[in-house]
N, C-alpha and C. Protein backbone atom coordinates (compact mmCIF):
# COMPACT_ATOMS: atom_id res chain seq x y z
N MET A 1 86.22 -119.26 200.31
CA MET A 1 84.55 -120.33 200.00
C MET A 1 84.07 -119.76 201.52
N PHE A 2 82.88 -119.41 201.63
CA PHE A 2 82.04 -119.27 202.87
C PHE A 2 80.84 -119.83 202.66
N TYR A 3 80.13 -119.94 203.60
CA TYR A 3 78.70 -119.98 203.77
C TYR A 3 77.74 -118.91 204.25
N GLU A 4 76.66 -118.99 203.78
CA GLU A 4 75.45 -118.05 204.47
C GLU A 4 74.89 -118.63 205.18
N LEU A 5 74.70 -118.79 206.52
CA LEU A 5 73.37 -118.88 207.22
C LEU A 5 72.27 -118.11 207.64
N ARG A 6 71.42 -118.46 207.27
CA ARG A 6 70.46 -117.64 207.26
C ARG A 6 69.22 -117.91 208.10
N GLN A 7 68.53 -117.37 209.28
CA GLN A 7 67.39 -117.67 209.78
C GLN A 7 66.24 -116.47 209.91
N TYR A 8 65.17 -117.35 209.39
CA TYR A 8 63.96 -116.55 209.20
C TYR A 8 62.78 -116.80 210.52
N LYS A 9 61.91 -115.85 211.12
CA LYS A 9 60.98 -115.99 211.70
C LYS A 9 59.89 -116.04 210.81
N ILE A 10 59.20 -117.23 210.62
CA ILE A 10 58.16 -117.74 210.17
C ILE A 10 56.60 -116.98 210.92
N VAL A 11 55.83 -116.54 210.00
CA VAL A 11 54.25 -115.84 210.64
C VAL A 11 53.90 -117.44 211.35
N ASP A 12 53.15 -117.36 213.10
CA ASP A 12 52.68 -118.58 213.47
C ASP A 12 51.83 -119.48 212.80
N GLY A 13 52.13 -120.47 212.61
CA GLY A 13 51.08 -121.32 212.06
C GLY A 13 50.95 -121.44 210.72
N LYS A 14 52.38 -120.43 209.92
CA LYS A 14 52.66 -120.94 208.20
C LYS A 14 53.96 -121.82 208.01
N MET A 15 54.45 -122.61 209.02
CA MET A 15 55.82 -122.97 208.53
C MET A 15 55.41 -124.22 207.94
N ASP A 16 54.41 -125.20 207.78
CA ASP A 16 54.14 -126.10 206.96
C ASP A 16 54.12 -125.44 205.14
N ALA A 17 53.49 -124.20 205.06
CA ALA A 17 53.44 -123.75 203.90
C ALA A 17 54.61 -123.18 203.55
N PHE A 18 55.45 -122.86 204.63
CA PHE A 18 56.68 -122.01 204.01
C PHE A 18 57.76 -122.89 203.54
N VAL A 19 57.73 -124.26 204.57
CA VAL A 19 58.81 -125.07 203.87
C VAL A 19 58.38 -125.63 202.88
N GLU A 20 56.91 -125.96 201.98
CA GLU A 20 56.49 -126.14 201.24
C GLU A 20 56.47 -124.99 199.62
N LEU A 21 57.15 -123.78 200.29
CA LEU A 21 57.22 -123.07 199.34
C LEU A 21 59.00 -123.02 199.21
N MET A 22 59.64 -123.30 200.27
CA MET A 22 61.04 -123.28 199.90
C MET A 22 61.65 -124.47 199.18
N GLU A 23 61.00 -126.11 199.66
CA GLU A 23 61.37 -127.10 199.03
C GLU A 23 60.55 -127.35 197.79
N SER A 24 59.80 -126.99 197.38
CA SER A 24 59.21 -127.29 196.04
C SER A 24 59.43 -126.34 195.09
N GLU A 25 59.38 -124.83 195.20
CA GLU A 25 59.90 -123.67 194.20
C GLU A 25 61.29 -122.97 194.68
N ILE A 26 60.83 -122.55 195.68
CA ILE A 26 62.61 -121.36 195.82
C ILE A 26 63.86 -122.34 195.83
N ILE A 27 63.93 -123.07 196.71
CA ILE A 27 65.11 -123.86 196.75
C ILE A 27 65.49 -124.09 195.05
N PRO A 28 64.70 -125.05 194.36
CA PRO A 28 64.94 -125.60 192.94
C PRO A 28 64.93 -124.04 191.91
N PHE A 29 64.30 -123.09 192.05
CA PHE A 29 64.49 -121.69 191.67
C PHE A 29 66.21 -121.50 191.41
N GLN A 30 66.26 -121.40 192.90
CA GLN A 30 67.64 -120.91 193.34
C GLN A 30 68.90 -121.83 192.77
N VAL A 31 68.54 -122.78 193.04
CA VAL A 31 69.28 -123.86 192.40
C VAL A 31 69.68 -123.81 191.06
N GLY A 32 68.58 -123.48 190.32
CA GLY A 32 68.24 -123.81 188.86
C GLY A 32 69.44 -122.36 188.19
N LYS A 33 69.59 -121.37 188.78
CA LYS A 33 70.10 -120.09 188.83
C LYS A 33 71.84 -120.13 189.18
N GLY A 34 71.82 -121.60 189.97
CA GLY A 34 73.65 -121.67 190.31
C GLY A 34 73.81 -121.64 191.83
N MET A 35 72.84 -121.41 192.25
CA MET A 35 73.18 -121.44 193.73
C MET A 35 73.15 -122.79 194.52
N VAL A 36 74.34 -122.95 195.62
CA VAL A 36 74.65 -124.20 195.78
C VAL A 36 73.56 -124.31 197.25
N ILE A 37 72.49 -124.84 197.82
CA ILE A 37 71.64 -124.80 199.12
C ILE A 37 72.52 -125.92 199.77
N THR A 38 72.75 -125.93 201.08
CA THR A 38 73.84 -127.07 201.67
C THR A 38 73.00 -127.43 203.03
N GLY A 39 71.60 -126.77 203.10
CA GLY A 39 70.48 -127.38 204.37
C GLY A 39 69.46 -126.53 204.35
N SER A 40 68.39 -127.07 204.66
CA SER A 40 67.38 -126.26 205.28
C SER A 40 66.71 -127.00 206.38
N PHE A 41 66.11 -126.29 207.21
CA PHE A 41 66.35 -126.98 208.68
C PHE A 41 64.78 -125.92 209.00
N ARG A 42 64.02 -126.79 210.08
CA ARG A 42 62.84 -125.81 210.63
C ARG A 42 63.38 -126.17 212.32
N GLY A 43 62.78 -125.21 213.19
CA GLY A 43 62.90 -125.80 214.42
C GLY A 43 62.35 -126.81 215.20
N GLU A 44 63.25 -127.31 215.59
CA GLU A 44 62.61 -128.52 216.78
C GLU A 44 61.58 -128.18 217.81
N GLU A 45 61.77 -127.09 218.61
CA GLU A 45 61.20 -126.86 219.35
C GLU A 45 60.60 -125.76 219.25
N ASP A 46 60.67 -124.58 218.15
CA ASP A 46 60.48 -123.09 217.96
C ASP A 46 59.78 -123.85 216.73
N PRO A 47 58.28 -123.31 216.42
CA PRO A 47 57.79 -123.51 215.01
C PRO A 47 57.84 -122.03 214.26
N THR A 48 58.43 -121.35 214.82
CA THR A 48 58.50 -120.16 214.07
C THR A 48 60.03 -119.91 213.40
N THR A 49 60.75 -120.66 213.74
CA THR A 49 62.17 -120.59 213.44
C THR A 49 62.73 -121.65 212.21
N TYR A 50 63.07 -121.19 211.02
CA TYR A 50 63.36 -121.66 209.82
C TYR A 50 65.08 -120.95 209.42
N VAL A 51 65.86 -122.50 209.25
CA VAL A 51 67.36 -121.66 209.09
C VAL A 51 67.54 -122.74 207.64
N TRP A 52 68.45 -121.96 206.62
CA TRP A 52 68.94 -122.69 205.84
C TRP A 52 70.41 -122.30 205.44
N MET A 53 71.12 -122.61 204.58
CA MET A 53 72.59 -122.50 204.57
C MET A 53 72.64 -122.55 202.83
N ARG A 54 73.40 -121.58 202.43
CA ARG A 54 74.00 -121.79 200.76
C ARG A 54 75.56 -121.32 200.88
N ARG A 55 76.37 -121.93 199.63
CA ARG A 55 77.67 -122.15 200.07
C ARG A 55 78.13 -120.87 198.95
N PHE A 56 79.09 -120.35 198.80
CA PHE A 56 79.44 -119.51 197.57
C PHE A 56 81.00 -119.87 197.57
N SER A 57 81.63 -119.73 196.31
CA SER A 57 83.19 -119.44 196.46
C SER A 57 83.59 -118.64 196.48
N SER A 58 83.23 -117.41 196.03
CA SER A 58 83.79 -116.10 196.69
C SER A 58 82.72 -115.26 196.29
N GLU A 59 83.05 -114.04 197.05
CA GLU A 59 82.07 -112.48 196.92
C GLU A 59 81.72 -112.25 195.92
N SER A 60 82.25 -112.50 194.67
CA SER A 60 82.00 -111.85 193.26
C SER A 60 80.66 -113.36 192.92
N GLU A 61 80.96 -114.45 193.20
CA GLU A 61 79.78 -115.45 192.64
C GLU A 61 78.69 -114.99 193.38
N ARG A 62 78.95 -114.81 194.81
CA ARG A 62 77.50 -114.51 195.96
C ARG A 62 76.62 -113.26 194.72
N GLU A 63 77.52 -112.08 194.45
CA GLU A 63 76.80 -111.05 194.35
C GLU A 63 76.41 -111.42 192.40
N ARG A 64 76.84 -112.22 191.98
CA ARG A 64 76.57 -112.57 190.78
C ARG A 64 75.07 -113.47 190.75
N LEU A 65 75.22 -114.50 191.93
CA LEU A 65 74.00 -115.07 192.21
C LEU A 65 72.64 -114.49 192.53
N TYR A 66 73.32 -113.33 193.46
CA TYR A 66 72.03 -112.28 194.00
C TYR A 66 71.47 -112.04 192.97
N GLU A 67 72.37 -111.30 192.22
CA GLU A 67 71.56 -110.52 191.15
C GLU A 67 70.51 -111.38 190.11
N ALA A 68 71.21 -112.53 189.64
CA ALA A 68 70.29 -113.43 189.04
C ALA A 68 68.99 -114.01 189.51
N VAL A 69 68.88 -114.25 191.04
CA VAL A 69 67.77 -114.62 191.75
C VAL A 69 66.99 -113.31 191.89
N TYR A 70 67.56 -112.10 192.70
CA TYR A 70 66.88 -111.06 193.23
C TYR A 70 66.26 -110.31 192.18
N GLU A 71 66.84 -110.10 191.55
CA GLU A 71 66.68 -108.93 190.43
C GLU A 71 65.69 -109.64 189.38
N SER A 72 65.18 -110.93 189.09
CA SER A 72 64.86 -111.55 188.39
C SER A 72 62.94 -111.06 188.75
N ASP A 73 62.83 -111.03 187.61
CA ASP A 73 61.04 -111.13 187.08
C ASP A 73 60.46 -112.05 188.06
N ASP A 74 60.97 -113.07 187.93
CA ASP A 74 60.14 -114.49 188.67
C ASP A 74 60.07 -114.04 190.15
N TRP A 75 61.60 -113.90 190.52
CA TRP A 75 61.33 -113.36 191.80
C TRP A 75 60.59 -112.26 192.31
N LYS A 76 60.82 -111.60 191.85
CA LYS A 76 60.07 -110.28 192.18
C LYS A 76 58.25 -110.12 192.13
N THR A 77 57.96 -110.76 191.21
CA THR A 77 56.49 -111.02 190.74
C THR A 77 55.80 -112.39 191.40
N SER A 78 56.67 -113.37 191.47
CA SER A 78 55.83 -114.50 191.97
C SER A 78 56.44 -115.01 193.58
N PHE A 79 58.15 -114.96 193.80
CA PHE A 79 58.33 -115.33 195.24
C PHE A 79 58.19 -114.45 196.13
N ALA A 80 58.51 -113.01 195.66
CA ALA A 80 58.77 -112.23 197.03
C ALA A 80 57.60 -112.33 197.82
N PRO A 81 56.58 -111.86 196.93
CA PRO A 81 55.07 -111.49 197.68
C PRO A 81 54.65 -112.77 198.55
N ARG A 82 54.85 -113.93 198.02
CA ARG A 82 54.58 -115.00 198.53
C ARG A 82 55.17 -115.27 199.92
N VAL A 83 56.63 -115.09 199.65
CA VAL A 83 57.35 -115.19 201.03
C VAL A 83 57.16 -113.99 202.19
N GLY A 84 56.39 -112.77 201.66
CA GLY A 84 55.89 -111.97 202.46
C GLY A 84 54.96 -112.31 203.23
N GLU A 85 53.92 -113.08 203.10
CA GLU A 85 52.98 -113.38 203.33
C GLU A 85 53.26 -114.62 204.73
N LEU A 86 54.50 -114.88 204.43
CA LEU A 86 54.90 -116.01 205.39
C LEU A 86 55.92 -115.73 206.42
N MET A 87 56.70 -114.86 205.99
CA MET A 87 57.68 -114.59 207.09
C MET A 87 57.39 -112.92 207.68
N ASP A 88 58.59 -113.19 208.62
CA ASP A 88 58.07 -111.71 209.60
C ASP A 88 59.40 -111.46 209.13
N ARG A 89 59.65 -110.53 208.07
CA ARG A 89 60.99 -109.90 207.79
C ARG A 89 61.90 -108.99 208.83
N SER A 90 61.18 -108.55 209.61
CA SER A 90 61.59 -108.18 210.56
C SER A 90 63.02 -108.68 211.42
N GLY A 91 62.25 -110.39 211.24
CA GLY A 91 63.17 -111.25 212.17
C GLY A 91 64.23 -112.39 211.26
N ILE A 92 64.79 -111.53 210.24
CA ILE A 92 65.65 -112.10 209.29
C ILE A 92 67.39 -111.70 210.01
N LYS A 93 68.16 -113.18 210.13
CA LYS A 93 69.10 -112.82 210.75
C LYS A 93 70.18 -113.59 209.60
N VAL A 94 71.14 -113.21 209.28
CA VAL A 94 72.30 -113.57 208.15
C VAL A 94 73.63 -113.54 208.94
N GLN A 95 74.45 -114.82 208.50
CA GLN A 95 75.48 -114.92 208.91
C GLN A 95 76.35 -115.25 208.12
N ARG A 96 77.37 -114.47 207.97
CA ARG A 96 78.40 -115.22 206.81
C ARG A 96 79.61 -116.25 207.55
N ILE A 97 79.88 -117.63 207.42
CA ILE A 97 80.71 -118.29 208.20
C ILE A 97 81.44 -119.17 207.46
N VAL A 98 82.38 -119.44 208.07
CA VAL A 98 83.84 -120.01 206.90
C VAL A 98 83.74 -121.48 208.11
N PRO A 99 84.47 -122.54 207.17
CA PRO A 99 84.31 -123.90 207.69
C PRO A 99 85.93 -123.75 208.50
N THR A 100 85.71 -124.34 209.63
CA THR A 100 87.16 -124.49 210.32
C THR A 100 88.48 -125.69 209.74
N PRO A 101 89.51 -125.90 209.98
CA PRO A 101 90.69 -126.66 208.94
C PRO A 101 90.00 -128.26 209.03
N ARG A 102 89.01 -128.39 210.18
CA ARG A 102 89.17 -129.87 209.95
C ARG A 102 87.24 -129.90 209.66
N SER A 103 86.33 -129.40 209.51
CA SER A 103 85.33 -129.24 209.43
C SER A 103 84.83 -130.59 207.89
N VAL A 104 84.04 -131.06 207.85
CA VAL A 104 83.66 -131.86 206.54
C VAL A 104 83.11 -131.09 205.54
N THR A 105 82.94 -129.52 205.81
CA THR A 105 82.42 -128.88 204.86
C THR A 105 83.24 -128.07 204.08
N GLN A 106 84.55 -128.47 204.14
CA GLN A 106 85.79 -127.67 203.66
C GLN A 106 85.31 -128.46 201.79
């Protein structure tokens, strides 16, 4: 099992719109495809930082879920264009992380 920690740079002044899109549409869409979303956060002091986490049981599950989400017509025609208006894609940072032995996220 591993987590994917994703940090995005949101266009200045667009955080509220981005959070609304994530929480009301994108996260439910991805969960409906089988993704496990474990957290969604905005920067307390930096109004352009958004962070979220997803959990995968294996690399093969991640590949299958990525295909189900990102290769879907819904993603390509509805979500991707709107995300592109709110996010600075050059500021995307993705880290794969694994819980330590005593972590409650085991």
